[in-house]
């Protein structure tokens, strides 16, 4: 009880400190700023500080911070703000210039209906239907079978299967499902062997890494894609993303397998996996199987069919709703908190860009004088460090809009290294590779809660794989960029 009270008190203090810092930025005399800002830009800066503090401290749930960002922006920096936040109707041009540009309120509201949000919603619907009609467990049973009973191959099987599901499902749901399958196996292993540690660690590592493989695998991917699309004016195709990221993902996964079996070798040579249930055989189950296959096929052929991946994501929603596969009760299972979190990040990006604050910041930070390589990798390291201690989505939502503006300002020097795509994809990758602590990602927390992993082991493996992944990832991105292969 005392610890709960202490935790609540700590969160209240963090909340008040966050609000206080934001209010200081809001009410500071504009002359104190190191560069000229408008009144609207100052308000956006204050909202950004508040969001950053709350996302970092988690004084309130991170998705509620996103909702608050959207509400505050509507009320204070949009064309539908309170009248006392707006310039007088008869204001002179000088006063209007001091206020700056207000954001069209529909542009802020549109962040929750952004095509990327629809893409994620379609992914969630697929995952809910797959779980409801046992497609996920059936696939796990069928696809683990070829790996046999050799302990090291079973470890590889769990890594590959977890990563595969994480490409199309929430990494949290994937980790929960695979840990449920794995738990009886962990209990049966010798208590004095290290093999159970490698198996228990394999699930969160593969869930985190697997998410980088597709646009819907993890929210940082979606945030990066949105800003690549905005800055380049072209869509990032589903298959184009996979062709770049799946090879990186596979290299990291194979290295993870090697490091796990090396650091935590198995004492027994064989492991038998018993998965009781399999594919469900009913008319609705077959609808799910067919729709799942059709959706993935359309996603990876979007350049051929001409149907955008975001639009394809609505197909399973339509089919499942009409056929009764998904009911109104199932809709409650959608990860609405994730959607709001991503939308809040998009809204913050709209505020930074539409008011000119992001461009203003970039113009007064000497990015142009920095070597492009230093800026790119330094940003990735910062992203990985921040994401170790806070939500990877929140980290991406904070950093990607600013770095997107920075990348635009130094486009010529970045082009030789893959340009804005390499910069922003590198950030998304870095966010997903931050997995050194139980608090770093939900899959880490789920695996740690099982009691088979020490925090020291998670930190050791997480840091090694994170560093290796960043080296490999940035090397491949830069090489592809040099040869003009990041056009998607």
Protein backbone atom coordinates (compact mmCIF):
# COMPACT_ATOMS: atom_id res chain seq x y z
CA UNK A 1 0.00 0.00 0.00
CA UNK A 2 2.75 2.54 0.87
CA UNK A 3 4.48 1.83 -2.46
CA UNK A 4 1.22 2.52 -4.35
CA UNK A 5 0.81 5.82 -2.50
CA UNK A 6 4.46 6.70 -3.16
CA UNK A 7 4.04 5.90 -6.86
CA UNK A 8 0.88 8.03 -7.05
CA UNK A 9 2.62 10.91 -5.25
CA UNK A 10 5.61 10.63 -7.60
CA UNK A 11 3.32 10.80 -10.65
CA UNK A 12 1.51 13.85 -9.28
CA UNK A 13 4.83 15.63 -8.72
CA UNK A 14 5.95 14.76 -12.27
CA UNK A 15 2.65 16.03 -13.63
CA UNK A 16 2.95 19.36 -11.81
CA UNK A 17 6.58 19.80 -12.83
CA UNK A 18 5.67 19.08 -16.47
CA UNK A 19 2.85 21.61 -16.39
CA UNK A 20 5.08 24.18 -14.67
CA UNK A 21 7.80 23.84 -17.34
CA UNK A 22 5.23 24.20 -20.12
CA UNK A 23 3.71 27.27 -18.48
CA UNK A 24 7.16 28.86 -18.18
CA UNK A 25 7.70 28.41 -21.92
CA UNK A 26 4.16 29.69 -22.63
CA UNK A 27 4.59 32.92 -20.62
CA UNK A 28 8.27 33.69 -21.23
CA UNK A 29 8.87 37.08 -22.82
CA UNK A 30 9.49 36.32 -26.49
CA UNK A 31 12.62 38.47 -26.40
CA UNK A 32 14.29 35.84 -24.19
CA UNK A 33 14.17 33.21 -26.94
CA UNK A 34 17.49 32.85 -28.82
CA UNK A 35 15.65 33.52 -32.07
CA UNK A 36 12.51 35.35 -33.08
CA UNK A 37 9.29 33.42 -32.51
CA UNK A 38 5.65 34.31 -33.07
CA UNK A 39 3.02 34.00 -30.33
CA UNK A 40 1.58 30.87 -31.98
CA UNK A 41 5.03 29.30 -32.28
CA UNK A 42 5.63 29.96 -28.59
CA UNK A 43 2.38 28.23 -27.68
CA UNK A 44 3.28 25.21 -29.83
CA UNK A 45 6.71 25.12 -28.14
CA UNK A 46 4.98 25.07 -24.74
CA UNK A 47 2.67 22.23 -25.83
CA UNK A 48 5.70 20.36 -27.20
CA UNK A 49 7.52 20.74 -23.84
CA UNK A 50 4.44 19.52 -21.97
CA UNK A 51 4.06 16.50 -24.28
CA UNK A 52 7.76 15.65 -24.09
CA UNK A 53 7.80 15.83 -20.28
CA UNK A 54 4.66 13.73 -19.91
CA UNK A 55 5.76 11.15 -22.48
CA UNK A 56 9.17 10.83 -20.82
CA UNK A 57 7.93 10.71 -17.21
CA UNK A 58 4.66 8.85 -17.96
CA UNK A 59 3.02 10.92 -15.23
CA UNK A 60 -0.21 10.13 -17.05
CA UNK A 61 -0.88 7.38 -19.61
CA UNK A 62 1.02 8.23 -22.79
CA UNK A 63 -2.07 7.99 -25.00
CA UNK A 64 -3.88 10.53 -22.82
CA UNK A 65 -0.99 12.93 -23.42
CA UNK A 66 -1.67 12.63 -27.15
CA UNK A 67 -5.36 13.38 -26.69
CA UNK A 68 -4.44 16.39 -24.57
CA UNK A 69 -2.04 17.63 -27.29
CA UNK A 70 -4.83 17.53 -29.88
CA UNK A 71 -7.29 19.34 -27.57
CA UNK A 72 -4.80 22.03 -26.51
CA UNK A 73 -3.78 22.70 -30.09
CA UNK A 74 -7.40 23.09 -31.16
CA UNK A 75 -8.12 25.55 -28.35
CA UNK A 76 -4.96 27.66 -28.57
CA UNK A 77 -3.27 27.53 -31.99
CA UNK A 78 -6.00 26.56 -34.45
CA UNK A 79 -8.40 28.72 -36.44
CA UNK A 80 -11.05 27.57 -33.95
CA UNK A 81 -9.19 28.73 -30.82
CA UNK A 82 -10.79 30.64 -27.96
CA UNK A 83 -11.36 34.25 -28.99
CA UNK A 84 -9.04 35.56 -26.28
CA UNK A 85 -6.20 33.53 -27.89
CA UNK A 86 -6.85 35.09 -31.29
CA UNK A 87 -5.74 38.54 -32.52
CA UNK A 88 -8.40 41.28 -32.43
CA UNK A 89 -10.58 41.46 -35.56
CA UNK A 90 -9.32 44.95 -36.37
CA UNK A 91 -5.66 44.07 -35.66
CA UNK A 92 -2.99 45.75 -37.74
CA UNK A 93 -0.71 43.76 -40.02
CA UNK A 94 2.10 44.24 -37.48
CA UNK A 95 0.05 42.59 -34.71
CA UNK A 96 -1.04 39.80 -37.05
CA UNK A 97 2.62 39.12 -37.86
CA UNK A 98 3.39 38.92 -34.14
CA UNK A 99 0.71 36.26 -33.69
CA UNK A 100 1.91 34.23 -36.68
CA UNK A 101 0.06 31.47 -38.53
CA UNK A 102 -2.89 29.70 -36.91
CA UNK A 103 -3.49 26.11 -38.04
CA UNK A 104 -6.69 25.24 -39.87
CA UNK A 105 -8.62 23.24 -37.26
CA UNK A 106 -9.59 20.50 -39.75
CA UNK A 107 -5.89 19.80 -40.36
CA UNK A 108 -5.49 18.93 -36.67
CA UNK A 109 -8.67 16.84 -36.59
CA UNK A 110 -7.54 15.03 -39.74
CA UNK A 111 -4.57 13.52 -37.89
CA UNK A 112 -6.84 10.84 -36.40
CA UNK A 113 -8.16 9.94 -39.86
CA UNK A 114 -4.72 10.02 -41.43
CA UNK A 115 -4.23 7.21 -43.98
CA UNK A 116 -1.48 5.75 -41.75
CA UNK A 117 -3.99 5.47 -38.89
CA UNK A 118 -6.29 3.55 -41.25
CA UNK A 119 -3.39 1.27 -42.15
CA UNK A 120 -2.81 0.48 -38.49
CA UNK A 121 -6.51 0.01 -37.82
CA UNK A 122 -6.70 -2.54 -40.63
CA UNK A 123 -3.71 -4.34 -39.12
CA UNK A 124 -5.41 -4.45 -35.72
CA UNK A 125 -8.61 -5.85 -37.25
CA UNK A 126 -6.63 -8.58 -39.02
CA UNK A 127 -4.88 -9.47 -35.76
CA UNK A 128 -8.15 -9.60 -33.80
CA UNK A 129 -9.78 -11.85 -36.41
CA UNK A 130 -6.68 -14.08 -36.62
CA UNK A 131 -6.71 -14.58 -32.87
CA UNK A 132 -10.50 -15.09 -32.67
CA UNK A 133 -10.48 -17.84 -35.30
CA UNK A 134 -7.18 -19.44 -34.24
CA UNK A 135 -5.25 -18.48 -37.38
CA UNK A 136 -2.31 -17.32 -35.26
CA UNK A 137 -2.04 -20.51 -33.18
CA UNK A 138 -2.62 -22.69 -36.24
CA UNK A 139 0.17 -20.94 -38.12
CA UNK A 140 2.49 -21.19 -35.12
CA UNK A 141 1.85 -24.94 -34.88
CA UNK A 142 2.36 -25.49 -38.62
CA UNK A 143 5.40 -23.25 -38.99
CA UNK A 144 7.24 -24.43 -35.87
CA UNK A 145 7.01 -28.07 -37.01
CA UNK A 146 9.85 -27.88 -39.61
CA UNK A 147 12.31 -26.77 -36.90
CA UNK A 148 12.13 -30.22 -35.29
CA UNK A 149 13.12 -30.93 -31.68
CA UNK A 150 16.78 -29.86 -31.61
CA UNK A 151 17.02 -27.23 -28.86
CA UNK A 152 18.94 -24.67 -30.92
CA UNK A 153 16.60 -25.09 -33.90
CA UNK A 154 13.54 -24.75 -31.66
CA UNK A 155 15.06 -21.49 -30.41
CA UNK A 156 15.45 -20.33 -34.02
CA UNK A 157 11.88 -21.42 -34.73
CA UNK A 158 10.48 -19.29 -31.92
CA UNK A 159 12.55 -16.31 -33.09
CA UNK A 160 11.36 -16.62 -36.70
CA UNK A 161 7.72 -17.25 -35.77
CA UNK A 162 7.56 -14.40 -33.25
CA UNK A 163 9.14 -11.98 -35.72
CA UNK A 164 6.76 -13.11 -38.48
CA UNK A 165 3.66 -12.47 -36.35
CA UNK A 166 5.09 -9.16 -35.13
CA UNK A 167 5.31 -7.98 -38.76
CA UNK A 168 1.50 -8.04 -38.97
CA UNK A 169 0.30 -7.97 -35.36
CA UNK A 170 0.93 -5.81 -32.30
CA UNK A 171 4.28 -6.82 -30.82
CA UNK A 172 2.62 -6.90 -27.39
CA UNK A 173 -0.09 -9.32 -28.55
CA UNK A 174 2.52 -11.40 -30.37
CA UNK A 175 4.74 -11.63 -27.30
CA UNK A 176 1.78 -12.56 -25.08
CA UNK A 177 0.70 -15.33 -27.48
CA UNK A 178 4.18 -16.79 -27.96
CA UNK A 179 4.99 -16.66 -24.24
CA UNK A 180 1.75 -18.55 -23.54
CA UNK A 181 2.88 -21.26 -25.99
CA UNK A 182 6.40 -21.24 -24.55
CA UNK A 183 5.57 -21.21 -20.80
CA UNK A 184 5.01 -25.00 -20.41
CA UNK A 185 8.30 -25.58 -22.24
CA UNK A 186 10.21 -23.21 -19.94
CA UNK A 187 8.85 -24.94 -16.85
CA UNK A 188 9.93 -28.35 -18.17
CA UNK A 189 13.55 -27.31 -18.82
CA UNK A 190 16.29 -28.07 -16.23
CA UNK A 191 16.43 -25.43 -13.49
CA UNK A 192 20.23 -25.34 -13.61
CA UNK A 193 20.39 -24.82 -17.39
CA UNK A 194 20.71 -21.50 -19.21
CA UNK A 195 18.62 -22.55 -22.21
CA UNK A 196 15.38 -21.31 -20.66
CA UNK A 197 16.91 -17.81 -20.48
CA UNK A 198 17.66 -17.83 -24.21
CA UNK A 199 14.12 -19.01 -25.02
CA UNK A 200 12.50 -16.45 -22.70
CA UNK A 201 14.62 -13.63 -24.14
CA UNK A 202 14.01 -14.77 -27.72
CA UNK A 203 10.34 -13.75 -27.60
CA UNK A 204 10.70 -10.02 -26.73
CA UNK A 205 13.78 -9.64 -28.93
CA UNK A 206 12.04 -11.19 -31.95
CA UNK A 207 8.82 -9.25 -31.28
CA UNK A 208 10.72 -5.95 -31.12
CA UNK A 209 12.90 -6.66 -34.17
CA UNK A 210 10.11 -8.24 -36.22
CA UNK A 211 8.12 -5.03 -36.10
CA UNK A 212 10.61 -3.26 -38.36
CA UNK A 213 9.76 -5.57 -41.27
CA UNK A 214 6.50 -3.99 -42.43
CA UNK A 215 4.87 -0.54 -42.34
CA UNK A 216 2.27 -1.84 -39.84
CA UNK A 217 4.78 -3.69 -37.66
CA UNK A 218 5.29 -0.86 -35.17
CA UNK A 219 4.06 2.76 -34.84
CA UNK A 220 7.52 4.39 -35.37
CA UNK A 221 7.48 2.91 -38.90
CA UNK A 222 4.17 4.64 -39.60
CA UNK A 223 5.44 7.97 -38.27
CA UNK A 224 8.58 7.74 -40.42
CA UNK A 225 6.53 6.81 -43.52
CA UNK A 226 4.19 9.77 -43.00
CA UNK A 227 7.06 12.28 -43.00
CA UNK A 228 8.93 10.58 -45.85
CA UNK A 229 5.73 10.83 -47.88
CA UNK A 230 5.22 14.47 -46.94
CA UNK A 231 8.78 15.55 -47.65
CA UNK A 232 9.22 13.60 -50.90
CA UNK A 233 5.63 13.80 -52.14
CA UNK A 234 5.53 10.08 -53.00
CA UNK A 235 3.91 7.09 -51.32
CA UNK A 236 6.08 4.51 -49.57
CA UNK A 237 4.84 1.17 -50.90
CA UNK A 238 4.29 -1.77 -48.56
CA UNK A 239 6.55 -4.03 -50.63
CA UNK A 240 9.15 -1.27 -51.04
CA UNK A 241 9.45 -0.95 -47.27
CA UNK A 242 9.70 -4.73 -46.86
CA UNK A 243 12.40 -5.07 -49.51
CA UNK A 244 14.57 -2.66 -47.52
CA UNK A 245 13.71 -3.67 -43.97
CA UNK A 246 13.14 -7.44 -44.08
CA UNK A 247 16.81 -8.19 -44.98
CA UNK A 248 17.92 -5.93 -42.10
CA UNK A 249 15.42 -7.69 -39.83
CA UNK A 250 16.65 -11.17 -40.82
CA UNK A 251 20.31 -10.28 -40.27
CA UNK A 252 19.53 -8.96 -36.79
CA UNK A 253 17.41 -12.01 -35.98
CA UNK A 254 20.12 -14.46 -37.04
CA UNK A 255 22.67 -12.55 -34.98
CA UNK A 256 20.22 -12.61 -32.04
CA UNK A 257 19.90 -16.39 -32.38
CA UNK A 258 23.69 -16.77 -32.39
CA UNK A 259 24.23 -14.48 -29.39
CA UNK A 260 21.47 -16.16 -27.36
CA UNK A 261 22.65 -19.72 -27.95
CA UNK A 262 26.24 -18.64 -27.28
CA UNK A 263 25.59 -16.75 -24.03
CA UNK A 264 22.88 -19.09 -22.74
CA UNK A 265 23.56 -22.61 -24.09
CA UNK A 266 21.04 -25.41 -23.69
CA UNK A 267 21.76 -28.22 -21.26
CA UNK A 268 19.42 -30.65 -23.00
CA UNK A 269 19.67 -31.45 -26.68
CA UNK A 270 15.98 -31.81 -27.49
CA UNK A 271 12.77 -29.88 -26.77
CA UNK A 272 9.28 -31.06 -27.68
CA UNK A 273 6.67 -28.37 -28.36
CA UNK A 274 3.06 -29.37 -27.71
CA UNK A 275 0.47 -26.99 -29.22
CA UNK A 276 -2.95 -28.52 -28.70
CA UNK A 277 -5.26 -26.37 -30.82
CA UNK A 278 -4.86 -25.76 -34.55
CA UNK A 279 -6.73 -24.10 -37.38
CA UNK A 280 -10.45 -23.70 -36.78
CA UNK A 281 -12.66 -25.21 -39.46
CA UNK A 282 -15.76 -23.08 -39.95
CA UNK A 283 -17.14 -20.85 -42.67
CA UNK A 284 -16.13 -17.68 -40.83
CA UNK A 285 -12.67 -19.06 -40.13
CA UNK A 286 -12.17 -19.70 -43.84
CA UNK A 287 -13.27 -16.12 -44.55
CA UNK A 288 -10.57 -14.94 -42.15
CA UNK A 289 -7.90 -17.14 -43.73
CA UNK A 290 -8.78 -16.02 -47.24
CA UNK A 291 -9.03 -12.35 -46.33
CA UNK A 292 -5.72 -12.48 -44.46
CA UNK A 293 -3.98 -13.95 -47.50
CA UNK A 294 -5.71 -11.53 -49.89
CA UNK A 295 -4.81 -8.48 -47.79
CA UNK A 296 -1.14 -9.39 -47.55
CA UNK A 297 -1.06 -10.15 -51.29
CA UNK A 298 -2.61 -6.74 -52.09
CA UNK A 299 -0.25 -5.02 -49.67
CA UNK A 300 2.85 -6.38 -51.35
CA UNK A 301 1.50 -5.77 -54.86
CA UNK A 302 0.16 -2.25 -54.29
CA UNK A 303 2.43 -0.84 -57.00
CA UNK A 304 1.04 -3.36 -59.49
CA UNK A 305 -2.65 -3.11 -58.55
CA UNK A 306 -2.57 0.65 -58.00
CA UNK A 307 -4.48 0.28 -54.70
CA UNK A 308 -2.66 2.15 -51.93
CA UNK A 309 -1.65 0.04 -48.90
CA UNK A 310 -3.67 2.36 -46.64
CA UNK A 311 -6.80 1.67 -48.69
CA UNK A 312 -6.10 -2.08 -48.75
CA UNK A 313 -6.18 -1.99 -44.94
CA UNK A 314 -9.89 -1.13 -45.10
CA UNK A 315 -10.74 -4.29 -47.10
CA UNK A 316 -10.58 -6.73 -44.14
CA UNK A 317 -12.55 -4.22 -42.08
CA UNK A 318 -15.33 -4.21 -44.71
CA UNK A 319 -15.35 -7.98 -45.30
CA UNK A 320 -15.28 -8.90 -41.62
CA UNK A 321 -18.03 -6.39 -40.75
CA UNK A 322 -20.40 -7.54 -43.50
CA UNK A 323 -19.86 -11.27 -42.86
CA UNK A 324 -20.15 -10.98 -39.07
CA UNK A 325 -16.58 -12.16 -38.48
CA UNK A 326 -16.01 -9.01 -36.42
CA UNK A 327 -18.76 -7.80 -34.08
CA UNK A 328 -19.17 -4.54 -32.18
CA UNK A 329 -17.70 -6.33 -29.15
CA UNK A 330 -14.56 -7.14 -31.13
CA UNK A 331 -14.14 -3.47 -32.03
CA UNK A 332 -13.46 -2.81 -28.36
CA UNK A 333 -10.30 -4.92 -28.72
CA UNK A 334 -8.70 -2.49 -31.19
CA UNK A 335 -5.69 -0.80 -29.62
CA UNK A 336 -7.35 2.61 -29.58
CA UNK A 337 -4.69 3.92 -27.21
CA UNK A 338 -2.01 3.24 -29.83
CA UNK A 339 -4.05 4.98 -32.52
CA UNK A 340 -4.55 8.04 -30.29
CA UNK A 341 -0.86 8.03 -29.39
CA UNK A 342 0.17 8.05 -33.05
CA UNK A 343 -2.49 10.67 -33.92
CA UNK A 344 -1.20 12.92 -31.13
CA UNK A 345 2.29 12.64 -32.54
CA UNK A 346 0.98 13.56 -35.98
CA UNK A 347 -0.89 16.55 -34.49
CA UNK A 348 2.28 17.73 -32.78
CA UNK A 349 4.06 17.44 -36.13
CA UNK A 350 1.31 19.51 -37.78
CA UNK A 351 1.80 22.16 -35.11
CA UNK A 352 5.57 22.24 -35.54
CA UNK A 353 5.38 22.42 -39.33
CA UNK A 354 2.29 24.54 -40.04
CA UNK A 355 3.26 27.29 -37.60
CA UNK A 356 6.83 27.36 -38.93
CA UNK A 357 8.35 26.47 -35.54
CA UNK A 358 10.18 23.38 -36.82
CA UNK A 359 11.74 25.34 -39.67
CA UNK A 360 12.59 28.17 -37.28
CA UNK A 361 14.32 25.74 -34.92
CA UNK A 362 16.27 24.09 -37.70
CA UNK A 363 17.43 27.40 -39.16
CA UNK A 364 18.94 28.35 -35.80
CA UNK A 365 20.61 24.99 -35.10
CA UNK A 366 23.76 24.66 -37.22
CA UNK A 367 22.82 21.35 -38.84
CA UNK A 368 24.25 22.59 -42.14
CA UNK A 369 27.68 22.82 -40.53
CA UNK A 370 27.53 19.26 -39.22
CA UNK A 371 28.69 16.30 -41.29
CA UNK A 372 25.58 14.50 -42.57
CA UNK A 373 26.82 11.18 -41.22
CA UNK A 374 27.26 12.62 -37.72
CA UNK A 375 23.78 14.13 -37.75
CA UNK A 376 22.16 10.92 -39.02
CA UNK A 377 23.85 8.49 -36.62
CA UNK A 378 23.77 10.94 -33.70
CA UNK A 379 20.01 11.28 -34.12
CA UNK A 380 19.69 7.47 -34.16
CA UNK A 381 21.71 7.11 -30.96
CA UNK A 382 19.61 9.77 -29.24
CA UNK A 383 16.43 8.05 -30.40
CA UNK A 384 17.64 4.66 -29.13
CA UNK A 385 18.66 6.13 -25.76
CA UNK A 386 15.34 7.93 -25.27
CA UNK A 387 13.35 4.89 -26.38
CA UNK A 388 15.12 2.73 -23.79
CA UNK A 389 13.41 4.70 -21.05
CA UNK A 390 10.13 5.73 -22.72
CA UNK A 391 7.65 4.56 -25.34
CA UNK A 392 9.26 4.07 -28.74
CA UNK A 393 6.18 5.61 -30.36
CA UNK A 394 6.38 8.71 -28.18
CA UNK A 395 10.11 9.00 -28.92
CA UNK A 396 9.49 8.79 -32.65
CA UNK A 397 6.62 11.28 -32.39
CA UNK A 398 8.95 13.79 -30.69
CA UNK A 399 12.07 13.37 -32.82
CA UNK A 400 10.90 12.53 -36.35
CA UNK A 401 9.05 15.81 -37.13
CA UNK A 402 12.06 17.89 -36.07
CA UNK A 403 14.59 15.68 -37.86
CA UNK A 404 12.38 15.66 -40.97
CA UNK A 405 12.61 19.46 -41.06
CA UNK A 406 16.35 19.27 -40.37
CA UNK A 407 16.80 16.76 -43.18
CA UNK A 408 15.03 19.10 -45.59
CA UNK A 409 17.38 21.96 -44.65
CA UNK A 410 20.49 19.86 -45.38
CA UNK A 411 19.05 17.76 -48.20
CA UNK A 412 22.06 18.14 -50.51
CA UNK A 413 24.56 16.74 -48.01
CA UNK A 414 22.15 13.96 -46.93
CA UNK A 415 21.37 12.78 -50.47
CA UNK A 416 24.68 10.93 -50.73
CA UNK A 417 23.70 8.90 -47.65
CA UNK A 418 20.17 8.03 -48.69
CA UNK A 419 18.55 11.39 -48.00
CA UNK A 420 15.47 11.89 -45.84
CA UNK A 421 14.32 8.23 -46.18
CA UNK A 422 17.58 6.91 -44.68
CA UNK A 423 17.45 9.52 -41.90
CA UNK A 424 13.87 8.81 -40.86
CA UNK A 425 13.94 5.04 -41.38
CA UNK A 426 17.11 5.01 -39.27
CA UNK A 427 15.18 6.72 -36.47
CA UNK A 428 12.32 4.21 -36.69
CA UNK A 429 14.85 1.37 -36.61
CA UNK A 430 16.68 2.89 -33.63
CA UNK A 431 13.43 3.21 -31.68
CA UNK A 432 12.66 -0.50 -32.20
CA UNK A 433 16.17 -1.59 -31.19
CA UNK A 434 15.92 0.01 -27.74
CA UNK A 435 15.24 -3.08 -25.62
CA UNK A 436 17.80 -3.14 -22.80
CA UNK A 437 15.38 -2.81 -19.87
CA UNK A 438 12.08 -4.41 -18.82
CA UNK A 439 10.46 -0.96 -19.17
CA UNK A 440 11.81 -0.41 -22.69
CA UNK A 441 8.99 -2.25 -24.49
CA UNK A 442 5.79 -4.12 -23.51
CA UNK A 443 7.23 -7.45 -24.83
CA UNK A 444 10.24 -6.96 -22.54
CA UNK A 445 7.96 -6.34 -19.57
CA UNK A 446 5.82 -9.41 -20.38
CA UNK A 447 8.87 -11.68 -20.70
CA UNK A 448 10.51 -10.29 -17.55
CA UNK A 449 7.30 -10.87 -15.57
CA UNK A 450 7.55 -14.62 -16.29
CA UNK A 451 10.47 -14.77 -13.86
CA UNK A 452 12.97 -16.62 -16.04
CA UNK A 453 15.11 -13.57 -16.94
CA UNK A 454 17.38 -11.41 -14.81
CA UNK A 455 17.48 -7.71 -15.63
CA UNK A 456 21.25 -8.01 -16.09
CA UNK A 457 20.80 -10.65 -18.80
CA UNK A 458 18.17 -8.56 -20.60
CA UNK A 459 20.41 -5.49 -20.48
CA UNK A 460 23.46 -7.36 -21.77
CA UNK A 461 21.66 -8.97 -24.69
CA UNK A 462 19.57 -5.87 -25.43
CA UNK A 463 22.61 -3.60 -25.66
CA UNK A 464 24.61 -6.05 -27.81
CA UNK A 465 21.74 -6.60 -30.26
CA UNK A 466 20.83 -2.90 -30.26
CA UNK A 467 24.39 -1.82 -31.15
CA UNK A 468 24.75 -4.57 -33.78
CA UNK A 469 21.35 -3.74 -35.27
CA UNK A 470 22.14 -0.04 -35.56
CA UNK A 471 25.52 -0.74 -37.21
CA UNK A 472 23.99 -3.16 -39.72
CA UNK A 473 20.87 -1.07 -40.27
CA UNK A 474 22.63 2.22 -40.91
CA UNK A 475 25.27 0.53 -43.08
CA UNK A 476 22.61 -1.04 -45.32
CA UNK A 477 20.49 2.13 -45.45
CA UNK A 478 23.49 4.27 -46.38
CA UNK A 479 24.70 1.78 -49.00
CA UNK A 480 21.24 1.55 -50.55
CA UNK A 481 21.05 5.32 -50.50
CA UNK A 482 24.39 5.69 -52.29
CA UNK A 483 23.08 3.53 -55.13
CA UNK A 484 19.71 5.27 -55.25
CA UNK A 485 17.76 2.23 -54.01
CA UNK A 486 15.70 3.99 -51.33
CA UNK A 487 13.13 5.38 -53.73
CA UNK A 488 10.45 2.82 -52.75
